[in-house]
Structure formats: structure tokens, C-alpha cells
Amino acid sequence: MSMLEAFLLGVIATSSLTAGVFFLKFWRKTRDSLFLAFGLAFVVEGLNRCAILFLTKPNEGNPYIYGVRLFAFLLILGAILRKNSGNTA
């Protein structure tokens, strides 16, 4: 991995973690489960990007990396479906 790729991956990880903290802050104020799901998904994605930096041969097609990313998106999808079904708790 080149220095530029590592730098850009760090920028993405930092941005994801910042967005996650931002959404978790709003969840603390409102207790809306949609904010919690978005916050957790962004934190998981940020940590996933950080983990990629420590791999010897980073490959975003790796099933483990893809599985974590899939989990983050499923968190968001589940929260949206729950919000639209009327269960806002």
C-alpha cells in the first residue's frame, strides 16, 4: 500500500468515526434508534478502515472486510425498516 493510499484510508476512517460520534451525540439527546444505528454503523465502518491499514496485503474484496461492511449497512437498513414500520422505540 502506498503512502497516499494509506493517507486517504486514514482520512476515510477519521471521517467515518467523526460521523459516528456525531450521530451518537444526537442519539443521546433524542433516543431515536435511527441515530443509534447510523452512529454504530459509521463507527464500525471507521474501525474496519483502520483495520485495513494493518493488513499485510489489504484487499477490500476480502470476505471478512466485506462482511463487516455488510453488517454496517444491514444495521442502517434494519433501522430504516423499523422506523418506517412505526416501531420508533
PDB file of N, CA and C in Angstrom:
ATOM      1  N   MET A   1       0.857  -1.171   0.000  1.00  0.00           N
ATOM      2  CA  MET A   1       0.000   0.000   0.000  1.00  0.00           C
ATOM      3  C   MET A   1       0.903   1.233   0.000  1.00  0.00           C
ATOM      4  N   SER A   2       0.626   2.139  -0.899  1.00  0.00           N
ATOM      5  CA  SER A   2       1.432   3.355  -0.973  1.00  0.00           C
ATOM      6  C   SER A   2       1.076   4.307   0.162  1.00  0.00           C
ATOM      7  N   MET A   3       1.917   5.285   0.350  1.00  0.00           N
ATOM      8  CA  MET A   3       1.687   6.274   1.409  1.00  0.00           C
ATOM      9  C   MET A   3       0.413   7.074   1.133  1.00  0.00           C
ATOM     10  N   LEU A   4       0.161   7.373  -0.130  1.00  0.00           N
ATOM     11  CA  LEU A   4      -1.044   8.119  -0.478  1.00  0.00           C
ATOM     12  C   LEU A   4      -2.296   7.304  -0.187  1.00  0.00           C
ATOM     13  N   GLU A   5      -2.278   6.030  -0.539  1.00  0.00           N
ATOM     14  CA  GLU A   5      -3.430   5.165  -0.242  1.00  0.00           C
ATOM     15  C   GLU A   5      -3.665   5.053   1.258  1.00  0.00           C
ATOM     16  N   ALA A   6      -2.582   4.909   2.030  1.00  0.00           N
ATOM     17  CA  ALA A   6      -2.715   4.818   3.490  1.00  0.00           C
ATOM     18  C   ALA A   6      -3.251   6.133   4.057  1.00  0.00           C
ATOM     19  N   PHE A   7      -2.784   7.248   3.533  1.00  0.00           N
ATOM     20  CA  PHE A   7      -3.267   8.547   3.996  1.00  0.00           C
ATOM     21  C   PHE A   7      -4.760   8.703   3.713  1.00  0.00           C
ATOM     22  N   LEU A   8      -5.161   8.377   2.491  1.00  0.00           N
ATOM     23  CA  LEU A   8      -6.577   8.515   2.135  1.00  0.00           C
ATOM     24  C   LEU A   8      -7.451   7.551   2.927  1.00  0.00           C
ATOM     25  N   LEU A   9      -6.960   6.360   3.203  1.00  0.00           N
ATOM     26  CA  LEU A   9      -7.691   5.413   4.037  1.00  0.00           C
ATOM     27  C   LEU A   9      -7.837   5.955   5.453  1.00  0.00           C
ATOM     28  N   GLY A  10      -6.802   6.621   5.948  1.00  0.00           N
ATOM     29  CA  GLY A  10      -6.874   7.261   7.257  1.00  0.00           C
ATOM     30  C   GLY A  10      -7.879   8.395   7.288  1.00  0.00           C
ATOM     31  N   VAL A  11      -7.952   9.149   6.209  1.00  0.00           N
ATOM     32  CA  VAL A  11      -8.929  10.236   6.116  1.00  0.00           C
ATOM     33  C   VAL A  11     -10.352   9.664   6.137  1.00  0.00           C
ATOM     34  N   ILE A  12     -10.576   8.597   5.396  1.00  0.00           N
ATOM     35  CA  ILE A  12     -11.898   7.963   5.369  1.00  0.00           C
ATOM     36  C   ILE A  12     -12.255   7.405   6.743  1.00  0.00           C
ATOM     37  N   ALA A  13     -11.286   6.766   7.394  1.00  0.00           N
ATOM     38  CA  ALA A  13     -11.531   6.201   8.728  1.00  0.00           C
ATOM     39  C   ALA A  13     -11.868   7.311   9.721  1.00  0.00           C
ATOM     40  N   THR A  14     -11.101   8.395   9.693  1.00  0.00           N
ATOM     41  CA  THR A  14     -11.354   9.514  10.602  1.00  0.00           C
ATOM     42  C   THR A  14     -12.713  10.147  10.334  1.00  0.00           C
ATOM     43  N   SER A  15     -13.058  10.288   9.074  1.00  0.00           N
ATOM     44  CA  SER A  15     -14.360  10.866   8.725  1.00  0.00           C
ATOM     45  C   SER A  15     -15.498   9.966   9.182  1.00  0.00           C
ATOM     46  N   SER A  16     -15.334   8.675   9.025  1.00  0.00           N
ATOM     47  CA  SER A  16     -16.374   7.735   9.454  1.00  0.00           C
ATOM     48  C   SER A  16     -16.547   7.764  10.972  1.00  0.00           C
ATOM     49  N   LEU A  17     -15.444   7.772  11.694  1.00  0.00           N
ATOM     50  CA  LEU A  17     -15.524   7.822  13.150  1.00  0.00           C
ATOM     51  C   LEU A  17     -16.132   9.136  13.632  1.00  0.00           C
ATOM     52  N   THR A  18     -15.790  10.235  12.971  1.00  0.00           N
ATOM     53  CA  THR A  18     -16.361  11.536  13.322  1.00  0.00           C
ATOM     54  C   THR A  18     -17.864  11.548  13.077  1.00  0.00           C
ATOM     55  N   ALA A  19     -18.292  11.012  11.950  1.00  0.00           N
ATOM     56  CA  ALA A  19     -19.725  10.935  11.658  1.00  0.00           C
ATOM     57  C   ALA A  19     -20.432  10.045  12.672  1.00  0.00           C
ATOM     58  N   GLY A  20     -19.786   8.944  13.072  1.00  0.00           N
ATOM     59  CA  GLY A  20     -20.370   8.059  14.065  1.00  0.00           C
ATOM     60  C   GLY A  20     -20.574   8.754  15.399  1.00  0.00           C
ATOM     61  N   VAL A  21     -19.575   9.490  15.848  1.00  0.00           N
ATOM     62  CA  VAL A  21     -19.698  10.239  17.109  1.00  0.00           C
ATOM     63  C   VAL A  21     -20.783  11.302  16.989  1.00  0.00           C
ATOM     64  N   PHE A  22     -20.870  11.938  15.837  1.00  0.00           N
ATOM     65  CA  PHE A  22     -21.897  12.951  15.586  1.00  0.00           C
ATOM     66  C   PHE A  22     -23.299  12.362  15.731  1.00  0.00           C
ATOM     67  N   PHE A  23     -23.526  11.197  15.109  1.00  0.00           N
ATOM     68  CA  PHE A  23     -24.836  10.551  15.207  1.00  0.00           C
ATOM     69  C   PHE A  23     -25.115  10.037  16.616  1.00  0.00           C
ATOM     70  N   LEU A  24     -24.099   9.534  17.301  1.00  0.00           N
ATOM     71  CA  LEU A  24     -24.300   9.065  18.673  1.00  0.00           C
ATOM     72  C   LEU A  24     -24.634  10.214  19.619  1.00  0.00           C
ATOM     73  N   LYS A  25     -24.093  11.394  19.328  1.00  0.00           N
ATOM     74  CA  LYS A  25     -24.434  12.573  20.122  1.00  0.00           C
ATOM     75  C   LYS A  25     -25.922  12.900  19.988  1.00  0.00           C
ATOM     76  N   PHE A  26     -26.432  12.835  18.782  1.00  0.00           N
ATOM     77  CA  PHE A  26     -27.859  13.100  18.584  1.00  0.00           C
ATOM     78  C   PHE A  26     -28.720  11.986  19.171  1.00  0.00           C
ATOM     79  N   TRP A  27     -28.217  10.747  19.156  1.00  0.00           N
ATOM     80  CA  TRP A  27     -28.962   9.656  19.781  1.00  0.00           C
ATOM     81  C   TRP A  27     -29.091   9.887  21.277  1.00  0.00           C
ATOM     82  N   ARG A  28     -28.032  10.379  21.916  1.00  0.00           N
ATOM     83  CA  ARG A  28     -28.098  10.652  23.356  1.00  0.00           C
ATOM     84  C   ARG A  28     -29.152  11.698  23.684  1.00  0.00           C
ATOM     85  N   LYS A  29     -29.337  12.668  22.773  1.00  0.00           N
ATOM     86  CA  LYS A  29     -30.327  13.724  23.016  1.00  0.00           C
ATOM     87  C   LYS A  29     -31.751  13.260  22.738  1.00  0.00           C
ATOM     88  N   THR A  30     -31.939  12.474  21.685  1.00  0.00           N
ATOM     89  CA  THR A  30     -33.287  12.136  21.228  1.00  0.00           C
ATOM     90  C   THR A  30     -33.717  10.716  21.556  1.00  0.00           C
ATOM     91  N   ARG A  31     -32.765   9.818  21.782  1.00  0.00           N
ATOM     92  CA  ARG A  31     -33.029   8.386  21.982  1.00  0.00           C
ATOM     93  C   ARG A  31     -33.746   7.761  20.787  1.00  0.00           C
ATOM     94  N   ASP A  32     -33.520   8.319  19.616  1.00  0.00           N
ATOM     95  CA  ASP A  32     -34.082   7.774  18.377  1.00  0.00           C
ATOM     96  C   ASP A  32     -33.169   6.652  17.880  1.00  0.00           C
ATOM     97  N   SER A  33     -33.742   5.472  17.666  1.00  0.00           N
ATOM     98  CA  SER A  33     -32.941   4.312  17.288  1.00  0.00           C
ATOM     99  C   SER A  33     -32.278   4.472  15.916  1.00  0.00           C
ATOM    100  N   LEU A  34     -32.801   5.326  15.073  1.00  0.00           N
ATOM    101  CA  LEU A  34     -32.187   5.551  13.764  1.00  0.00           C
ATOM    102  C   LEU A  34     -30.811   6.209  13.931  1.00  0.00           C
ATOM    103  N   PHE A  35     -30.712   7.178  14.837  1.00  0.00           N
ATOM    104  CA  PHE A  35     -29.421   7.807  15.109  1.00  0.00           C
ATOM    105  C   PHE A  35     -28.439   6.799  15.691  1.00  0.00           C
ATOM    106  N   LEU A  36     -28.922   5.920  16.555  1.00  0.00           N
ATOM    107  CA  LEU A  36     -28.060   4.897  17.139  1.00  0.00           C
ATOM    108  C   LEU A  36     -27.525   3.968  16.056  1.00  0.00           C
ATOM    109  N   ALA A  37     -28.376   3.534  15.155  1.00  0.00           N
ATOM    110  CA  ALA A  37     -27.948   2.629  14.086  1.00  0.00           C
ATOM    111  C   ALA A  37     -26.935   3.300  13.166  1.00  0.00           C
ATOM    112  N   PHE A  38     -27.184   4.543  12.785  1.00  0.00           N
ATOM    113  CA  PHE A  38     -26.237   5.262  11.933  1.00  0.00           C
ATOM    114  C   PHE A  38     -24.915   5.464  12.659  1.00  0.00           C
ATOM    115  N   GLY A  39     -24.980   5.830  13.932  1.00  0.00           N
ATOM    116  CA  GLY A  39     -23.763   6.030  14.696  1.00  0.00           C
ATOM    117  C   GLY A  39     -22.938   4.766  14.799  1.00  0.00           C
ATOM    118  N   LEU A  40     -23.586   3.661  15.133  1.00  0.00           N
ATOM    119  CA  LEU A  40     -22.866   2.387  15.242  1.00  0.00           C
ATOM    120  C   LEU A  40     -22.313   1.936  13.894  1.00  0.00           C
ATOM    121  N   ALA A  41     -23.083   2.133  12.842  1.00  0.00           N
ATOM    122  CA  ALA A  41     -22.627   1.726  11.510  1.00  0.00           C
ATOM    123  C   ALA A  41     -21.386   2.520  11.095  1.00  0.00           C
ATOM    124  N   PHE A  42     -21.378   3.814  11.351  1.00  0.00           N
ATOM    125  CA  PHE A  42     -20.213   4.626  10.978  1.00  0.00           C
ATOM    126  C   PHE A  42     -19.005   4.285  11.840  1.00  0.00           C
ATOM    127  N   VAL A  43     -19.214   3.998  13.125  1.00  0.00           N
ATOM    128  CA  VAL A  43     -18.095   3.607  13.986  1.00  0.00           C
ATOM    129  C   VAL A  43     -17.528   2.262  13.523  1.00  0.00           C
ATOM    130  N   VAL A  44     -18.398   1.306  13.222  1.00  0.00           N
ATOM    131  CA  VAL A  44     -17.941   0.001  12.733  1.00  0.00           C
ATOM    132  C   VAL A  44     -17.171   0.174  11.424  1.00  0.00           C
ATOM    133  N   GLU A  45     -17.678   0.996  10.539  1.00  0.00           N
ATOM    134  CA  GLU A  45     -17.006   1.215   9.257  1.00  0.00           C
ATOM    135  C   GLU A  45     -15.658   1.915   9.458  1.00  0.00           C
ATOM    136  N   GLY A  46     -15.595   2.873  10.364  1.00  0.00           N
ATOM    137  CA  GLY A  46     -14.331   3.548  10.646  1.00  0.00           C
ATOM    138  C   GLY A  46     -13.293   2.593  11.219  1.00  0.00           C
ATOM    139  N   LEU A  47     -13.721   1.740  12.144  1.00  0.00           N
ATOM    140  CA  LEU A  47     -12.800   0.751  12.711  1.00  0.00           C
ATOM    141  C   LEU A  47     -12.378  -0.278  11.671  1.00  0.00           C
ATOM    142  N   ASN A  48     -13.283  -0.610  10.756  1.00  0.00           N
ATOM    143  CA  ASN A  48     -12.965  -1.521   9.667  1.00  0.00           C
ATOM    144  C   ASN A  48     -11.883  -0.920   8.774  1.00  0.00           C
ATOM    145  N   ARG A  49     -12.004   0.363   8.470  1.00  0.00           N
ATOM    146  CA  ARG A  49     -10.986   1.031   7.643  1.00  0.00           C
ATOM    147  C   ARG A  49      -9.652   1.097   8.372  1.00  0.00           C
ATOM    148  N   CYS A  50      -9.682   1.321   9.691  1.00  0.00           N
ATOM    149  CA  CYS A  50      -8.431   1.311  10.469  1.00  0.00           C
ATOM    150  C   CYS A  50      -7.785  -0.061  10.424  1.00  0.00           C
ATOM    151  N   ALA A  51      -8.579  -1.106  10.498  1.00  0.00           N
ATOM    152  CA  ALA A  51      -8.043  -2.466  10.472  1.00  0.00           C
ATOM    153  C   ALA A  51      -7.385  -2.778   9.132  1.00  0.00           C
ATOM    154  N   ILE A  52      -7.913  -2.213   8.063  1.00  0.00           N
ATOM    155  CA  ILE A  52      -7.327  -2.447   6.734  1.00  0.00           C
ATOM    156  C   ILE A  52      -5.893  -1.935   6.689  1.00  0.00           C
ATOM    157  N   LEU A  53      -5.613  -0.857   7.424  1.00  0.00           N
ATOM    158  CA  LEU A  53      -4.260  -0.290   7.427  1.00  0.00           C
ATOM    159  C   LEU A  53      -3.218  -1.270   7.973  1.00  0.00           C
ATOM    160  N   PHE A  54      -3.632  -2.178   8.857  1.00  0.00           N
ATOM    161  CA  PHE A  54      -2.689  -3.074   9.496  1.00  0.00           C
ATOM    162  C   PHE A  54      -2.558  -4.428   8.796  1.00  0.00           C
ATOM    163  N   LEU A  55      -3.275  -4.613   7.714  1.00  0.00           N
ATOM    164  CA  LEU A  55      -3.166  -5.868   6.963  1.00  0.00           C
ATOM    165  C   LEU A  55      -1.921  -5.843   6.080  1.00  0.00           C
ATOM    166  N   THR A  56      -1.270  -6.992   5.936  1.00  0.00           N
ATOM    167  CA  THR A  56      -0.071  -7.045   5.102  1.00  0.00           C
ATOM    168  C   THR A  56      -0.410  -6.911   3.620  1.00  0.00           C
ATOM    169  N   LYS A  57      -1.516  -7.552   3.220  1.00  0.00           N
ATOM    170  CA  LYS A  57      -1.964  -7.437   1.834  1.00  0.00           C
ATOM    171  C   LYS A  57      -3.424  -6.982   1.849  1.00  0.00           C
ATOM    172  N   PRO A  58      -3.662  -5.680   1.946  1.00  0.00           N
ATOM    173  CA  PRO A  58      -5.053  -5.206   2.024  1.00  0.00           C
ATOM    174  C   PRO A  58      -5.803  -5.465   0.721  1.00  0.00           C
ATOM    175  N   ASN A  59      -6.968  -6.049   0.857  1.00  0.00           N
ATOM    176  CA  ASN A  59      -7.821  -6.327  -0.290  1.00  0.00           C
ATOM    177  C   ASN A  59      -9.254  -6.106   0.171  1.00  0.00           C
ATOM    178  N   GLU A  60      -9.897  -5.101  -0.373  1.00  0.00           N
ATOM    179  CA  GLU A  60     -11.246  -4.781   0.077  1.00  0.00           C
ATOM    180  C   GLU A  60     -12.263  -5.819  -0.364  1.00  0.00           C
ATOM    181  N   GLY A  61     -11.875  -6.746  -1.199  1.00  0.00           N
ATOM    182  CA  GLY A  61     -12.744  -7.838  -1.596  1.00  0.00           C
ATOM    183  C   GLY A  61     -12.662  -9.024  -0.651  1.00  0.00           C
ATOM    184  N   ASN A  62     -11.807  -8.929   0.353  1.00  0.00           N
ATOM    185  CA  ASN A  62     -11.670  -9.978   1.355  1.00  0.00           C
ATOM    186  C   ASN A  62     -13.019 -10.221   2.030  1.00  0.00           C
ATOM    187  N   PRO A  63     -13.438 -11.468   2.173  1.00  0.00           N
ATOM    188  CA  PRO A  63     -14.759 -11.744   2.759  1.00  0.00           C
ATOM    189  C   PRO A  63     -14.945 -11.188   4.168  1.00  0.00           C
ATOM    190  N   TYR A  64     -13.893 -11.146   4.966  1.00  0.00           N
ATOM    191  CA  TYR A  64     -14.016 -10.620   6.325  1.00  0.00           C
ATOM    192  C   TYR A  64     -14.258  -9.111   6.314  1.00  0.00           C
ATOM    193  N   ILE A  65     -13.506  -8.412   5.484  1.00  0.00           N
ATOM    194  CA  ILE A  65     -13.688  -6.962   5.372  1.00  0.00           C
ATOM    195  C   ILE A  65     -15.060  -6.666   4.786  1.00  0.00           C
ATOM    196  N   TYR A  66     -15.438  -7.405   3.754  1.00  0.00           N
ATOM    197  CA  TYR A  66     -16.746  -7.212   3.138  1.00  0.00           C
ATOM    198  C   TYR A  66     -17.863  -7.552   4.117  1.00  0.00           C
ATOM    199  N   GLY A  67     -17.675  -8.579   4.930  1.00  0.00           N
ATOM    200  CA  GLY A  67     -18.693  -8.971   5.907  1.00  0.00           C
ATOM    201  C   GLY A  67     -18.938  -7.895   6.954  1.00  0.00           C
ATOM    202  N   VAL A  68     -17.867  -7.265   7.410  1.00  0.00           N
ATOM    203  CA  VAL A  68     -18.027  -6.174   8.382  1.00  0.00           C
ATOM    204  C   VAL A  68     -18.764  -4.999   7.741  1.00  0.00           C
ATOM    205  N   ARG A  69     -18.413  -4.697   6.512  1.00  0.00           N
ATOM    206  CA  ARG A  69     -19.085  -3.603   5.799  1.00  0.00           C
ATOM    207  C   ARG A  69     -20.561  -3.942   5.558  1.00  0.00           C
ATOM    208  N   LEU A  70     -20.842  -5.195   5.231  1.00  0.00           N
ATOM    209  CA  LEU A  70     -22.218  -5.639   5.049  1.00  0.00           C
ATOM    210  C   LEU A  70     -23.000  -5.498   6.349  1.00  0.00           C
ATOM    211  N   PHE A  71     -22.382  -5.871   7.470  1.00  0.00           N
ATOM    212  CA  PHE A  71     -23.016  -5.729   8.776  1.00  0.00           C
ATOM    213  C   PHE A  71     -23.387  -4.269   9.050  1.00  0.00           C
ATOM    214  N   ALA A  72     -22.487  -3.336   8.736  1.00  0.00           N
ATOM    215  CA  ALA A  72     -22.760  -1.908   8.968  1.00  0.00           C
ATOM    216  C   ALA A  72     -23.952  -1.446   8.122  1.00  0.00           C
ATOM    217  N   PHE A  73     -23.994  -1.864   6.871  1.00  0.00           N
ATOM    218  CA  PHE A  73     -25.108  -1.455   6.018  1.00  0.00           C
ATOM    219  C   PHE A  73     -26.416  -2.113   6.437  1.00  0.00           C
ATOM    220  N   LEU A  74     -26.339  -3.337   6.917  1.00  0.00           N
ATOM    221  CA  LEU A  74     -27.557  -4.005   7.402  1.00  0.00           C
ATOM    222  C   LEU A  74     -28.090  -3.338   8.668  1.00  0.00           C
ATOM    223  N   LEU A  75     -27.205  -2.797   9.499  1.00  0.00           N
ATOM    224  CA  LEU A  75     -27.648  -2.027  10.662  1.00  0.00           C
ATOM    225  C   LEU A  75     -28.498  -0.830  10.225  1.00  0.00           C
ATOM    226  N   ILE A  76     -27.999  -0.122   9.225  1.00  0.00           N
ATOM    227  CA  ILE A  76     -28.721   1.045   8.721  1.00  0.00           C
ATOM    228  C   ILE A  76     -30.040   0.620   8.085  1.00  0.00           C
ATOM    229  N   LEU A  77     -30.009  -0.423   7.263  1.00  0.00           N
ATOM    230  CA  LEU A  77     -31.220  -0.899   6.609  1.00  0.00           C
ATOM    231  C   LEU A  77     -32.261  -1.350   7.622  1.00  0.00           C
ATOM    232  N   GLY A  78     -31.833  -2.079   8.639  1.00  0.00           N
ATOM    233  CA  GLY A  78     -32.752  -2.521   9.675  1.00  0.00           C
ATOM    234  C   GLY A  78     -33.384  -1.365  10.425  1.00  0.00           C
ATOM    235  N   ALA A  79     -32.593  -0.339  10.718  1.00  0.00           N
ATOM    236  CA  ALA A  79     -33.131   0.824  11.422  1.00  0.00           C
ATOM    237  C   ALA A  79     -34.131   1.585  10.565  1.00  0.00           C
ATOM    238  N   ILE A  80     -33.854   1.699   9.279  1.00  0.00           N
ATOM    239  CA  ILE A  80     -34.787   2.399   8.383  1.00  0.00           C
ATOM    240  C   ILE A  80     -36.089   1.614   8.273  1.00  0.00           C
ATOM    241  N   LEU A  81     -35.995   0.311   8.111  1.00  0.00           N
ATOM    242  CA  LEU A  81     -37.212  -0.507   8.019  1.00  0.00           C
ATOM    243  C   LEU A  81     -38.011  -0.438   9.322  1.00  0.00           C
ATOM    244  N   ARG A  82     -37.320  -0.467  10.448  1.00  0.00           N
ATOM    245  CA  ARG A  82     -38.008  -0.377  11.741  1.00  0.00           C
ATOM    246  C   ARG A  82     -38.683   0.979  11.900  1.00  0.00           C
ATOM    247  N   LYS A  83     -38.017   2.037  11.485  1.00  0.00           N
ATOM    248  CA  LYS A  83     -38.579   3.384  11.593  1.00  0.00           C
ATOM    249  C   LYS A  83     -39.807   3.521  10.712  1.00  0.00           C
ATOM    250  N   ASN A  84     -39.770   2.962   9.521  1.00  0.00           N
ATOM    251  CA  ASN A  84     -40.903   3.067   8.606  1.00  0.00           C
ATOM    252  C   ASN A  84     -42.058   2.158   8.974  1.00  0.00           C
ATOM    253  N   SER A  85     -41.802   1.136   9.783  1.00  0.00           N
ATOM    254  CA  SER A  85     -42.900   0.257  10.181  1.00  0.00           C
ATOM    255  C   SER A  85     -43.700   0.827  11.346  1.00  0.00           C
ATOM    256  N   GLY A  86     -43.207   1.895  11.939  1.00  0.00           N
ATOM    257  CA  GLY A  86     -43.933   2.535  13.023  1.00  0.00           C
ATOM    258  C   GLY A  86     -43.418   2.206  14.401  1.00  0.00           C
ATOM    259  N   ASN A  87     -42.436   1.317  14.516  1.00  0.00           N
ATOM    260  CA  ASN A  87     -41.834   0.996  15.814  1.00  0.00           C
ATOM    261  C   ASN A  87     -40.682   1.973  16.044  1.00  0.00           C
ATOM    262  N   THR A  88     -40.936   3.094  16.670  1.00  0.00           N
ATOM    263  CA  THR A  88     -39.925   4.127  16.840  1.00  0.00           C
ATOM    264  C   THR A  88     -39.165   4.012  18.139  1.00  0.00           C
ATOM    265  N   ALA A  89     -39.453   3.032  18.945  1.00  0.00           N
ATOM    266  CA  ALA A  89     -38.778   2.903  20.248  1.00  0.00           C
ATOM    267  C   ALA A  89     -37.315   2.517  20.083  1.00  0.00           C
TER     268      ALA A  89
END
